[in-house]
């Protein structure tokens, strides 16, 4: 397949940017995903949050930046002839969600833990964002599609009332895309370590 060269974006001044929008592109192929990621980065002034393989030989790409830049990058992926499993733009994303996509946080001893399981990746990211905006909780881990058949889940930590409130926000956000929610008021440390990968 012939693919035209896409010119790189010109050097931009180091002006502050609002990085509150997240773009998600799920490619049906790994090699195609690498091509899409490169096109997205060249199409707009965005930051690569994460990119890599997930279940069933798919490739997931996350970029962040201003809404306009992220929409341009995601549109660049949509306009190719590469088959996509999905593509989404989520605005006003909590910095906690961005950080959780890069790495998780450590649980605090004695805090409650909530586990929210979602049917797909995009709804899981949006639900995690809703949860941390509704209540004073932390995202301890956000897993999106890796080894779990395209589903996602996230782990919340905080006091019991806050975790319950955040879990309810996630439940409302997910609707039919919710698989299950479990709240552990005083989990065993080994269970928390297993859940958070620490």
N, C-alpha and C. Protein backbone atom coordinates (compact mmCIF):
# COMPACT_ATOMS: atom_id res chain seq x y z
N UNK A 1 0.84 -1.18 0.00
CA UNK A 1 0.00 0.00 0.00
C UNK A 1 0.88 1.24 0.00
N UNK A 2 0.58 2.20 -0.88
CA UNK A 2 1.32 3.46 -0.94
C UNK A 2 0.80 4.40 0.13
N UNK A 3 1.69 4.92 0.91
CA UNK A 3 1.28 5.89 1.92
C UNK A 3 2.06 7.17 1.69
N UNK A 4 1.37 8.30 1.51
CA UNK A 4 2.08 9.55 1.25
C UNK A 4 2.87 10.00 2.46
N UNK A 5 3.98 10.70 2.17
CA UNK A 5 4.76 11.27 3.28
C UNK A 5 3.97 12.42 3.88
N UNK A 6 3.96 12.45 5.19
CA UNK A 6 3.28 13.54 5.90
C UNK A 6 4.36 14.43 6.47
N UNK A 7 4.34 15.71 6.14
CA UNK A 7 5.38 16.60 6.66
C UNK A 7 5.28 16.75 8.17
N UNK A 8 6.44 16.84 8.78
CA UNK A 8 6.46 17.06 10.24
C UNK A 8 5.95 18.46 10.54
N UNK A 9 5.37 18.60 11.74
CA UNK A 9 4.89 19.91 12.17
C UNK A 9 6.10 20.82 12.37
N UNK A 10 5.98 22.08 12.02
CA UNK A 10 7.09 23.00 12.26
C UNK A 10 7.33 23.17 13.75
N UNK A 11 8.55 23.55 14.11
CA UNK A 11 8.86 23.77 15.52
C UNK A 11 7.94 24.85 16.08
N UNK A 12 7.32 24.55 17.18
CA UNK A 12 6.40 25.49 17.80
C UNK A 12 7.10 26.18 18.96
N UNK A 13 6.72 27.42 19.26
CA UNK A 13 7.30 28.08 20.43
C UNK A 13 6.89 27.35 21.70
N UNK A 14 7.68 27.48 22.73
CA UNK A 14 7.41 26.79 23.99
C UNK A 14 6.38 27.53 24.82
N UNK A 15 5.26 27.87 24.20
CA UNK A 15 4.17 28.53 24.93
C UNK A 15 3.42 27.50 25.74
N UNK A 16 2.86 27.87 26.90
CA UNK A 16 2.10 26.91 27.68
C UNK A 16 0.89 26.41 26.90
N UNK A 17 0.62 25.12 27.00
CA UNK A 17 -0.53 24.52 26.32
C UNK A 17 -1.45 23.91 27.36
N UNK A 18 -2.73 23.87 27.04
CA UNK A 18 -3.70 23.22 27.90
C UNK A 18 -3.80 21.77 27.45
N UNK A 19 -3.30 20.87 28.28
CA UNK A 19 -3.24 19.45 27.92
C UNK A 19 -4.37 18.70 28.63
N UNK A 20 -5.60 19.13 28.42
CA UNK A 20 -6.71 18.53 29.15
C UNK A 20 -7.60 17.66 28.28
N UNK A 21 -7.16 17.39 27.05
CA UNK A 21 -7.95 16.56 26.15
C UNK A 21 -7.15 15.31 25.81
N UNK A 22 -7.84 14.17 25.81
CA UNK A 22 -7.21 12.89 25.54
C UNK A 22 -7.80 12.31 24.26
N UNK A 23 -6.93 11.89 23.36
CA UNK A 23 -7.35 11.21 22.15
C UNK A 23 -7.01 9.74 22.25
N UNK A 24 -7.95 8.87 21.88
CA UNK A 24 -7.75 7.43 21.95
C UNK A 24 -8.03 6.85 20.57
N UNK A 25 -7.06 6.13 20.03
CA UNK A 25 -7.24 5.44 18.74
C UNK A 25 -6.84 3.99 18.93
N UNK A 26 -7.74 3.09 18.54
CA UNK A 26 -7.48 1.66 18.63
C UNK A 26 -7.41 1.09 17.22
N UNK A 27 -6.20 0.65 16.85
CA UNK A 27 -5.96 0.09 15.53
C UNK A 27 -6.18 -1.43 15.57
N UNK A 28 -6.69 -1.99 14.48
CA UNK A 28 -6.89 -3.44 14.41
C UNK A 28 -5.61 -4.20 14.14
N UNK A 29 -4.53 -3.49 13.79
CA UNK A 29 -3.25 -4.15 13.54
C UNK A 29 -2.12 -3.43 14.24
N UNK A 30 -1.04 -4.16 14.51
CA UNK A 30 0.10 -3.60 15.24
C UNK A 30 0.94 -2.71 14.33
N UNK A 31 1.32 -3.22 13.15
CA UNK A 31 2.11 -2.41 12.22
C UNK A 31 1.32 -1.16 11.81
N UNK A 32 0.03 -1.36 11.54
CA UNK A 32 -0.83 -0.22 11.19
C UNK A 32 -0.87 0.78 12.34
N UNK A 33 -0.88 0.28 13.57
CA UNK A 33 -0.90 1.16 14.74
C UNK A 33 0.33 2.03 14.82
N UNK A 34 1.49 1.46 14.49
CA UNK A 34 2.73 2.25 14.49
C UNK A 34 2.63 3.37 13.46
N UNK A 35 2.09 3.05 12.28
CA UNK A 35 1.91 4.05 11.23
C UNK A 35 0.95 5.14 11.69
N UNK A 36 -0.17 4.74 12.29
CA UNK A 36 -1.15 5.71 12.76
C UNK A 36 -0.57 6.63 13.84
N UNK A 37 0.17 6.04 14.78
CA UNK A 37 0.78 6.85 15.84
C UNK A 37 1.70 7.90 15.25
N UNK A 38 2.50 7.51 14.26
CA UNK A 38 3.42 8.45 13.62
C UNK A 38 2.65 9.56 12.91
N UNK A 39 1.60 9.19 12.18
CA UNK A 39 0.78 10.19 11.49
C UNK A 39 0.13 11.16 12.48
N UNK A 40 -0.36 10.63 13.59
CA UNK A 40 -1.01 11.49 14.58
C UNK A 40 -0.03 12.49 15.17
N UNK A 41 1.17 12.04 15.49
CA UNK A 41 2.17 12.93 16.09
C UNK A 41 2.62 14.01 15.11
N UNK A 42 2.61 13.69 13.82
CA UNK A 42 3.02 14.65 12.80
C UNK A 42 1.89 15.58 12.37
N UNK A 43 0.66 15.18 12.64
CA UNK A 43 -0.49 15.97 12.19
C UNK A 43 -0.79 17.14 13.10
N UNK A 44 -0.41 17.05 14.36
CA UNK A 44 -0.77 18.11 15.32
C UNK A 44 0.24 18.14 16.45
N UNK A 45 0.23 19.23 17.18
CA UNK A 45 1.16 19.42 18.31
C UNK A 45 0.55 18.76 19.55
N UNK A 46 0.71 17.43 19.64
CA UNK A 46 0.18 16.65 20.75
C UNK A 46 1.32 15.90 21.43
N UNK A 47 1.05 15.42 22.64
CA UNK A 47 2.01 14.61 23.38
C UNK A 47 1.56 13.16 23.36
N UNK A 48 2.50 12.25 23.18
CA UNK A 48 2.20 10.82 23.27
C UNK A 48 2.12 10.45 24.75
N UNK A 49 0.95 9.99 25.18
CA UNK A 49 0.78 9.54 26.56
C UNK A 49 1.26 8.09 26.67
N UNK A 50 0.78 7.28 25.73
CA UNK A 50 1.17 5.87 25.72
C UNK A 50 0.73 5.26 24.40
N UNK A 51 1.47 4.28 23.95
CA UNK A 51 1.08 3.52 22.76
C UNK A 51 1.65 2.12 22.91
N UNK A 52 0.86 1.12 22.52
CA UNK A 52 1.35 -0.25 22.61
C UNK A 52 0.28 -1.26 22.27
N UNK A 53 0.69 -2.52 22.26
CA UNK A 53 -0.22 -3.60 21.89
C UNK A 53 -1.19 -3.91 23.03
N UNK A 54 -2.38 -4.37 22.62
CA UNK A 54 -3.36 -4.88 23.57
C UNK A 54 -3.85 -6.21 23.02
N UNK A 55 -4.92 -6.74 23.60
CA UNK A 55 -5.43 -8.05 23.20
C UNK A 55 -5.75 -8.14 21.72
N UNK A 56 -5.76 -9.37 21.23
CA UNK A 56 -6.20 -9.69 19.87
C UNK A 56 -5.37 -9.00 18.80
N UNK A 57 -4.12 -8.71 19.10
CA UNK A 57 -3.24 -8.12 18.11
C UNK A 57 -3.58 -6.70 17.74
N UNK A 58 -4.23 -5.99 18.62
CA UNK A 58 -4.57 -4.59 18.35
C UNK A 58 -3.51 -3.66 18.95
N UNK A 59 -3.58 -2.39 18.56
CA UNK A 59 -2.61 -1.40 19.00
C UNK A 59 -3.37 -0.17 19.48
N UNK A 60 -3.11 0.25 20.71
CA UNK A 60 -3.82 1.37 21.33
C UNK A 60 -2.89 2.58 21.42
N UNK A 61 -3.41 3.74 21.01
CA UNK A 61 -2.64 4.98 21.01
C UNK A 61 -3.39 6.03 21.83
N UNK A 62 -2.69 6.67 22.77
CA UNK A 62 -3.25 7.75 23.58
C UNK A 62 -2.40 8.99 23.37
N UNK A 63 -3.04 10.09 23.00
CA UNK A 63 -2.33 11.37 22.87
C UNK A 63 -3.07 12.42 23.68
N UNK A 64 -2.35 13.44 24.12
CA UNK A 64 -2.98 14.53 24.87
C UNK A 64 -2.54 15.86 24.31
N UNK A 65 -3.32 16.88 24.62
CA UNK A 65 -3.02 18.23 24.17
C UNK A 65 -4.26 19.09 24.25
N UNK A 66 -4.26 20.19 23.51
CA UNK A 66 -5.45 21.02 23.44
C UNK A 66 -6.52 20.27 22.67
N UNK A 67 -7.78 20.64 22.86
CA UNK A 67 -8.87 19.95 22.16
C UNK A 67 -8.67 20.00 20.64
N UNK A 68 -8.33 21.17 20.13
CA UNK A 68 -8.16 21.32 18.68
C UNK A 68 -7.05 20.41 18.16
N UNK A 69 -5.91 20.38 18.87
CA UNK A 69 -4.79 19.56 18.43
C UNK A 69 -5.14 18.07 18.49
N UNK A 70 -5.79 17.64 19.57
CA UNK A 70 -6.15 16.23 19.71
C UNK A 70 -7.17 15.83 18.65
N UNK A 71 -8.15 16.67 18.41
CA UNK A 71 -9.13 16.36 17.37
C UNK A 71 -8.46 16.23 16.01
N UNK A 72 -7.48 17.09 15.73
CA UNK A 72 -6.74 17.02 14.46
C UNK A 72 -5.97 15.71 14.36
N UNK A 73 -5.30 15.32 15.45
CA UNK A 73 -4.51 14.09 15.44
C UNK A 73 -5.40 12.86 15.26
N UNK A 74 -6.51 12.82 15.98
CA UNK A 74 -7.42 11.67 15.86
C UNK A 74 -8.05 11.63 14.47
N UNK A 75 -8.39 12.80 13.93
CA UNK A 75 -8.96 12.85 12.59
C UNK A 75 -7.95 12.35 11.55
N UNK A 76 -6.67 12.63 11.77
CA UNK A 76 -5.64 12.15 10.85
C UNK A 76 -5.64 10.62 10.80
N UNK A 77 -5.88 9.97 11.95
CA UNK A 77 -5.96 8.51 11.98
C UNK A 77 -7.24 8.03 11.28
N UNK A 78 -8.34 8.72 11.52
CA UNK A 78 -9.62 8.32 10.93
C UNK A 78 -9.61 8.43 9.41
N UNK A 79 -8.84 9.37 8.87
CA UNK A 79 -8.85 9.62 7.43
C UNK A 79 -7.99 8.66 6.62
N UNK A 80 -7.24 7.79 7.30
CA UNK A 80 -6.44 6.80 6.57
C UNK A 80 -7.33 5.62 6.18
N UNK A 81 -6.75 4.71 5.39
CA UNK A 81 -7.50 3.50 5.05
C UNK A 81 -7.18 2.37 6.03
N UNK A 82 -6.53 2.70 7.12
CA UNK A 82 -6.22 1.71 8.15
C UNK A 82 -7.50 1.37 8.93
N UNK A 83 -7.80 0.10 9.15
CA UNK A 83 -9.02 -0.25 9.91
C UNK A 83 -8.87 0.05 11.40
N UNK A 84 -9.82 0.81 11.93
CA UNK A 84 -9.82 1.17 13.35
C UNK A 84 -10.90 0.38 14.09
N UNK A 85 -10.58 -0.03 15.32
CA UNK A 85 -11.59 -0.65 16.19
C UNK A 85 -12.35 0.43 16.94
N UNK A 86 -11.77 1.63 17.04
CA UNK A 86 -12.43 2.73 17.72
C UNK A 86 -11.54 3.95 17.78
N UNK A 87 -12.16 5.11 17.92
CA UNK A 87 -11.41 6.36 18.10
C UNK A 87 -12.29 7.34 18.86
N UNK A 88 -11.70 8.04 19.82
CA UNK A 88 -12.47 8.89 20.72
C UNK A 88 -11.66 10.11 21.10
N UNK A 89 -12.36 11.20 21.43
CA UNK A 89 -11.74 12.41 21.97
C UNK A 89 -12.49 12.74 23.25
N UNK A 90 -11.77 12.81 24.37
CA UNK A 90 -12.36 13.13 25.67
C UNK A 90 -11.76 14.43 26.18
N UNK A 91 -12.61 15.44 26.41
CA UNK A 91 -12.12 16.76 26.85
C UNK A 91 -12.18 16.93 28.36
N UNK A 92 -11.44 17.93 28.85
CA UNK A 92 -11.40 18.28 30.28
C UNK A 92 -11.07 17.08 31.15
N UNK A 93 -10.12 16.28 30.73
CA UNK A 93 -9.73 15.07 31.46
C UNK A 93 -8.91 15.45 32.69
N UNK A 94 -9.21 14.79 33.81
CA UNK A 94 -8.47 15.03 35.05
C UNK A 94 -6.99 14.68 34.87
N UNK A 95 -6.09 15.49 35.45
CA UNK A 95 -4.66 15.14 35.41
C UNK A 95 -4.39 13.76 36.02
N UNK A 96 -5.23 13.33 36.97
CA UNK A 96 -5.07 12.00 37.56
C UNK A 96 -5.21 10.90 36.52
N UNK A 97 -6.15 11.07 35.59
CA UNK A 97 -6.36 10.06 34.55
C UNK A 97 -5.14 10.01 33.65
N UNK A 98 -4.64 11.16 33.26
CA UNK A 98 -3.44 11.21 32.42
C UNK A 98 -2.27 10.51 33.11
N UNK A 99 -2.11 10.79 34.39
CA UNK A 99 -1.01 10.18 35.15
C UNK A 99 -1.22 8.68 35.30
N UNK A 100 -2.45 8.25 35.52
CA UNK A 100 -2.74 6.82 35.69
C UNK A 100 -2.47 6.05 34.41
N UNK A 101 -2.65 6.68 33.26
CA UNK A 101 -2.33 6.01 32.00
C UNK A 101 -0.83 5.79 31.87
N UNK A 102 -0.05 6.66 32.48
CA UNK A 102 1.40 6.51 32.41
C UNK A 102 1.90 5.53 33.48
N UNK A 103 1.37 5.68 34.71
CA UNK A 103 1.74 4.80 35.83
C UNK A 103 0.73 4.98 36.93
N UNK A 104 0.62 4.00 37.79
CA UNK A 104 -0.33 4.08 38.89
C UNK A 104 0.25 4.77 40.11
N UNK A 105 -0.56 4.83 41.17
CA UNK A 105 -0.13 5.43 42.44
C UNK A 105 -0.13 4.34 43.51
N UNK A 106 0.62 4.56 44.55
CA UNK A 106 0.67 3.60 45.66
C UNK A 106 -0.55 3.80 46.56
N UNK A 107 -1.09 2.70 47.06
CA UNK A 107 -2.20 2.76 48.01
C UNK A 107 -1.68 3.21 49.38
N UNK A 108 -2.53 3.89 50.13
CA UNK A 108 -2.20 4.27 51.50
C UNK A 108 -2.73 3.19 52.45
N UNK A 109 -1.97 2.91 53.47
CA UNK A 109 -2.36 1.86 54.42
C UNK A 109 -3.70 2.20 55.06
N UNK A 110 -4.59 1.23 55.09
CA UNK A 110 -5.88 1.38 55.75
C UNK A 110 -6.96 2.04 54.93
N UNK A 111 -6.67 2.49 53.72
CA UNK A 111 -7.71 3.15 52.94
C UNK A 111 -8.60 2.13 52.24
N UNK A 112 -9.80 2.55 51.91
CA UNK A 112 -10.74 1.71 51.16
C UNK A 112 -10.29 1.68 49.70
N UNK A 113 -10.70 0.61 49.02
CA UNK A 113 -10.35 0.43 47.61
C UNK A 113 -11.61 0.08 46.84
N UNK A 114 -11.78 0.70 45.68
CA UNK A 114 -12.88 0.37 44.79
C UNK A 114 -12.34 -0.17 43.48
N UNK A 115 -12.97 -1.21 42.96
CA UNK A 115 -12.58 -1.79 41.67
C UNK A 115 -13.77 -1.64 40.73
N UNK A 116 -13.55 -0.95 39.61
CA UNK A 116 -14.61 -0.72 38.63
C UNK A 116 -14.19 -1.40 37.32
N UNK A 117 -15.02 -2.34 36.86
CA UNK A 117 -14.73 -3.11 35.64
C UNK A 117 -15.68 -2.65 34.53
N UNK A 118 -15.11 -2.39 33.36
CA UNK A 118 -15.85 -1.78 32.25
C UNK A 118 -15.78 -2.65 31.00
N UNK A 119 -16.78 -2.54 30.15
CA UNK A 119 -16.86 -3.38 28.95
C UNK A 119 -15.86 -2.98 27.86
N UNK A 120 -15.43 -1.72 27.84
CA UNK A 120 -14.48 -1.31 26.81
C UNK A 120 -13.54 -0.25 27.36
N UNK A 121 -12.60 0.16 26.52
CA UNK A 121 -11.55 1.07 26.98
C UNK A 121 -12.05 2.50 27.12
N UNK A 122 -12.68 3.03 26.09
CA UNK A 122 -13.04 4.45 26.12
C UNK A 122 -14.00 4.78 27.24
N UNK A 123 -15.00 3.92 27.47
CA UNK A 123 -15.95 4.19 28.55
C UNK A 123 -15.27 4.07 29.91
N UNK A 124 -14.28 3.20 30.02
CA UNK A 124 -13.55 3.06 31.28
C UNK A 124 -12.74 4.30 31.60
N UNK A 125 -12.08 4.88 30.60
CA UNK A 125 -11.31 6.10 30.81
C UNK A 125 -12.24 7.23 31.21
N UNK A 126 -13.37 7.35 30.51
CA UNK A 126 -14.33 8.41 30.83
C UNK A 126 -14.91 8.23 32.24
N UNK A 127 -15.18 7.00 32.63
CA UNK A 127 -15.73 6.73 33.97
C UNK A 127 -14.71 7.04 35.06
N UNK A 128 -13.44 6.71 34.82
CA UNK A 128 -12.39 7.04 35.79
C UNK A 128 -12.30 8.55 35.97
N UNK A 129 -12.43 9.27 34.87
CA UNK A 129 -12.41 10.73 34.92
C UNK A 129 -13.59 11.26 35.74
N UNK A 130 -14.78 10.72 35.51
CA UNK A 130 -15.97 11.12 36.28
C UNK A 130 -15.79 10.84 37.76
N UNK A 131 -15.20 9.68 38.07
CA UNK A 131 -15.04 9.28 39.47
C UNK A 131 -14.15 10.24 40.24
N UNK A 132 -12.99 10.61 39.66
CA UNK A 132 -12.07 11.48 40.40
C UNK A 132 -12.54 12.92 40.43
N UNK A 133 -13.43 13.30 39.51
CA UNK A 133 -13.98 14.66 39.54
C UNK A 133 -15.11 14.78 40.56
N UNK A 134 -15.79 13.67 40.88
CA UNK A 134 -16.91 13.70 41.81
C UNK A 134 -16.47 13.64 43.25
N UNK A 135 -15.37 12.95 43.53
CA UNK A 135 -15.02 12.68 44.92
C UNK A 135 -13.51 12.73 45.14
N UNK A 136 -13.11 12.90 46.39
CA UNK A 136 -11.69 13.00 46.75
C UNK A 136 -11.06 11.61 46.84
N UNK A 137 -10.84 11.00 45.68
CA UNK A 137 -10.20 9.69 45.60
C UNK A 137 -8.99 9.81 44.68
N UNK A 138 -8.17 8.75 44.70
CA UNK A 138 -7.02 8.68 43.80
C UNK A 138 -7.16 7.45 42.91
N UNK A 139 -6.70 7.56 41.69
CA UNK A 139 -6.66 6.39 40.82
C UNK A 139 -5.36 5.66 41.11
N UNK A 140 -5.48 4.44 41.64
CA UNK A 140 -4.30 3.65 41.97
C UNK A 140 -3.78 2.89 40.76
N UNK A 141 -4.70 2.54 39.86
CA UNK A 141 -4.31 1.82 38.65
C UNK A 141 -5.42 1.95 37.62
N UNK A 142 -5.04 2.07 36.35
CA UNK A 142 -5.99 2.12 35.24
C UNK A 142 -5.45 1.18 34.17
N UNK A 143 -6.19 0.10 33.93
CA UNK A 143 -5.77 -0.92 32.97
C UNK A 143 -6.71 -0.88 31.78
N UNK A 144 -6.16 -0.73 30.60
CA UNK A 144 -6.98 -0.53 29.41
C UNK A 144 -6.64 -1.54 28.33
N UNK A 145 -7.39 -2.63 28.30
CA UNK A 145 -7.33 -3.56 27.18
C UNK A 145 -6.21 -4.58 27.19
N UNK A 146 -5.22 -4.45 28.05
CA UNK A 146 -4.08 -5.36 28.01
C UNK A 146 -4.40 -6.68 28.69
N UNK A 147 -4.48 -7.75 27.90
CA UNK A 147 -4.70 -9.08 28.44
C UNK A 147 -6.08 -9.32 29.00
N UNK A 148 -7.03 -8.43 28.72
CA UNK A 148 -8.39 -8.59 29.28
C UNK A 148 -9.46 -8.44 28.20
N UNK A 149 -9.11 -8.86 27.00
CA UNK A 149 -10.08 -8.95 25.90
C UNK A 149 -10.78 -7.63 25.58
N UNK A 150 -10.01 -6.54 25.59
CA UNK A 150 -10.56 -5.25 25.19
C UNK A 150 -11.34 -4.52 26.27
N UNK A 151 -11.47 -5.12 27.46
CA UNK A 151 -12.14 -4.43 28.56
C UNK A 151 -11.16 -3.47 29.24
N UNK A 152 -11.64 -2.76 30.24
CA UNK A 152 -10.77 -1.93 31.06
C UNK A 152 -11.26 -2.00 32.50
N UNK A 153 -10.38 -1.63 33.42
CA UNK A 153 -10.81 -1.50 34.81
C UNK A 153 -9.90 -0.49 35.49
N UNK A 154 -10.40 0.05 36.60
CA UNK A 154 -9.56 0.96 37.36
C UNK A 154 -9.79 0.73 38.85
N UNK A 155 -8.74 1.07 39.62
CA UNK A 155 -8.73 0.90 41.07
C UNK A 155 -8.70 2.28 41.71
N UNK A 156 -9.63 2.53 42.62
CA UNK A 156 -9.71 3.80 43.33
C UNK A 156 -9.29 3.61 44.78
N UNK A 157 -8.66 4.61 45.35
CA UNK A 157 -8.29 4.56 46.76
C UNK A 157 -8.72 5.83 47.47
N UNK A 158 -9.13 5.69 48.73
CA UNK A 158 -9.54 6.85 49.53
C UNK A 158 -10.31 6.39 50.75
N UNK A 159 -10.93 7.33 51.46
CA UNK A 159 -11.77 6.91 52.58
C UNK A 159 -13.03 6.27 52.03
N UNK A 160 -13.72 5.48 52.85
CA UNK A 160 -14.83 4.66 52.37
C UNK A 160 -15.94 5.49 51.74
N UNK A 161 -16.30 6.62 52.35
CA UNK A 161 -17.38 7.45 51.82
C UNK A 161 -17.00 8.01 50.45
N UNK A 162 -15.76 8.44 50.30
CA UNK A 162 -15.31 9.00 49.03
C UNK A 162 -15.25 7.94 47.94
N UNK A 163 -14.79 6.75 48.30
CA UNK A 163 -14.73 5.67 47.31
C UNK A 163 -16.13 5.28 46.85
N UNK A 164 -17.07 5.22 47.80
CA UNK A 164 -18.47 4.90 47.42
C UNK A 164 -19.05 5.96 46.50
N UNK A 165 -18.79 7.23 46.81
CA UNK A 165 -19.30 8.32 45.98
C UNK A 165 -18.68 8.28 44.58
N UNK A 166 -17.37 8.02 44.51
CA UNK A 166 -16.68 7.94 43.22
C UNK A 166 -17.17 6.74 42.41
N UNK A 167 -17.40 5.63 43.09
CA UNK A 167 -17.90 4.43 42.41
C UNK A 167 -19.28 4.68 41.82
N UNK A 168 -20.10 5.43 42.54
CA UNK A 168 -21.43 5.76 42.03
C UNK A 168 -21.33 6.65 40.79
N UNK A 169 -20.40 7.59 40.80
CA UNK A 169 -20.18 8.44 39.61
C UNK A 169 -19.75 7.58 38.43
N UNK A 170 -18.89 6.61 38.68
CA UNK A 170 -18.45 5.71 37.61
C UNK A 170 -19.61 4.88 37.09
N UNK A 171 -20.44 4.39 38.00
CA UNK A 171 -21.62 3.59 37.63
C UNK A 171 -22.55 4.40 36.72
N UNK A 172 -22.80 5.66 37.10
CA UNK A 172 -23.66 6.52 36.30
C UNK A 172 -23.06 6.79 34.92
N UNK A 173 -21.75 7.02 34.89
CA UNK A 173 -21.07 7.30 33.62
C UNK A 173 -21.10 6.09 32.69
N UNK A 174 -20.94 4.91 33.25
CA UNK A 174 -20.83 3.70 32.43
C UNK A 174 -22.16 3.18 31.91
N UNK A 175 -23.20 3.26 32.71
CA UNK A 175 -24.48 2.71 32.26
C UNK A 175 -24.34 1.25 31.87
N UNK A 176 -24.74 0.92 30.64
CA UNK A 176 -24.69 -0.47 30.16
C UNK A 176 -23.26 -0.97 29.96
N UNK A 177 -22.27 -0.08 29.97
CA UNK A 177 -20.87 -0.50 29.81
C UNK A 177 -20.22 -0.92 31.12
N UNK A 178 -20.98 -0.90 32.21
CA UNK A 178 -20.47 -1.38 33.50
C UNK A 178 -20.54 -2.90 33.56
N UNK A 179 -19.44 -3.54 33.95
CA UNK A 179 -19.45 -4.97 34.21
C UNK A 179 -19.74 -5.21 35.68
N UNK A 180 -18.97 -4.55 36.56
CA UNK A 180 -19.16 -4.75 38.00
C UNK A 180 -18.39 -3.68 38.77
N UNK A 181 -18.85 -3.43 39.99
CA UNK A 181 -18.16 -2.54 40.93
C UNK A 181 -18.05 -3.27 42.26
N UNK A 182 -16.86 -3.26 42.84
CA UNK A 182 -16.64 -3.86 44.15
C UNK A 182 -15.94 -2.82 45.02
N UNK A 183 -16.42 -2.66 46.25
CA UNK A 183 -15.77 -1.75 47.20
C UNK A 183 -15.27 -2.59 48.37
N UNK A 184 -13.98 -2.45 48.66
CA UNK A 184 -13.35 -3.18 49.77
C UNK A 184 -13.03 -2.16 50.87
N UNK A 185 -13.81 -2.15 51.97
CA UNK A 185 -13.62 -1.13 53.01
C UNK A 185 -12.26 -1.18 53.70
N UNK A 186 -11.76 -2.37 53.98
CA UNK A 186 -10.46 -2.50 54.66
C UNK A 186 -9.72 -3.68 54.08
N UNK A 187 -9.28 -3.60 52.82
CA UNK A 187 -8.69 -4.75 52.16
C UNK A 187 -7.37 -5.19 52.77
N UNK A 188 -7.11 -6.48 52.68
CA UNK A 188 -5.82 -7.03 53.08
C UNK A 188 -4.74 -6.42 52.21
N UNK A 189 -3.58 -6.15 52.79
CA UNK A 189 -2.49 -5.51 52.05
C UNK A 189 -2.06 -6.31 50.84
N UNK A 190 -2.10 -7.65 50.95
CA UNK A 190 -1.67 -8.47 49.83
C UNK A 190 -2.66 -8.39 48.65
N UNK A 191 -3.94 -8.20 48.97
CA UNK A 191 -4.94 -8.03 47.92
C UNK A 191 -4.72 -6.69 47.19
N UNK A 192 -4.45 -5.65 47.96
CA UNK A 192 -4.17 -4.34 47.36
C UNK A 192 -2.92 -4.40 46.49
N UNK A 193 -1.89 -5.08 46.97
CA UNK A 193 -0.65 -5.20 46.19
C UNK A 193 -0.92 -5.93 44.87
N UNK A 194 -1.73 -6.96 44.92
CA UNK A 194 -2.04 -7.72 43.70
C UNK A 194 -2.85 -6.86 42.73
N UNK A 195 -3.80 -6.10 43.24
CA UNK A 195 -4.63 -5.25 42.39
C UNK A 195 -3.84 -4.12 41.75
N UNK A 196 -2.93 -3.54 42.49
CA UNK A 196 -2.21 -2.37 41.99
C UNK A 196 -0.88 -2.73 41.33
N UNK A 197 -0.51 -4.00 41.37
CA UNK A 197 0.75 -4.42 40.75
C UNK A 197 1.98 -3.92 41.49
N UNK A 198 1.82 -3.72 42.80
CA UNK A 198 2.96 -3.23 43.60
C UNK A 198 3.34 -4.22 44.69
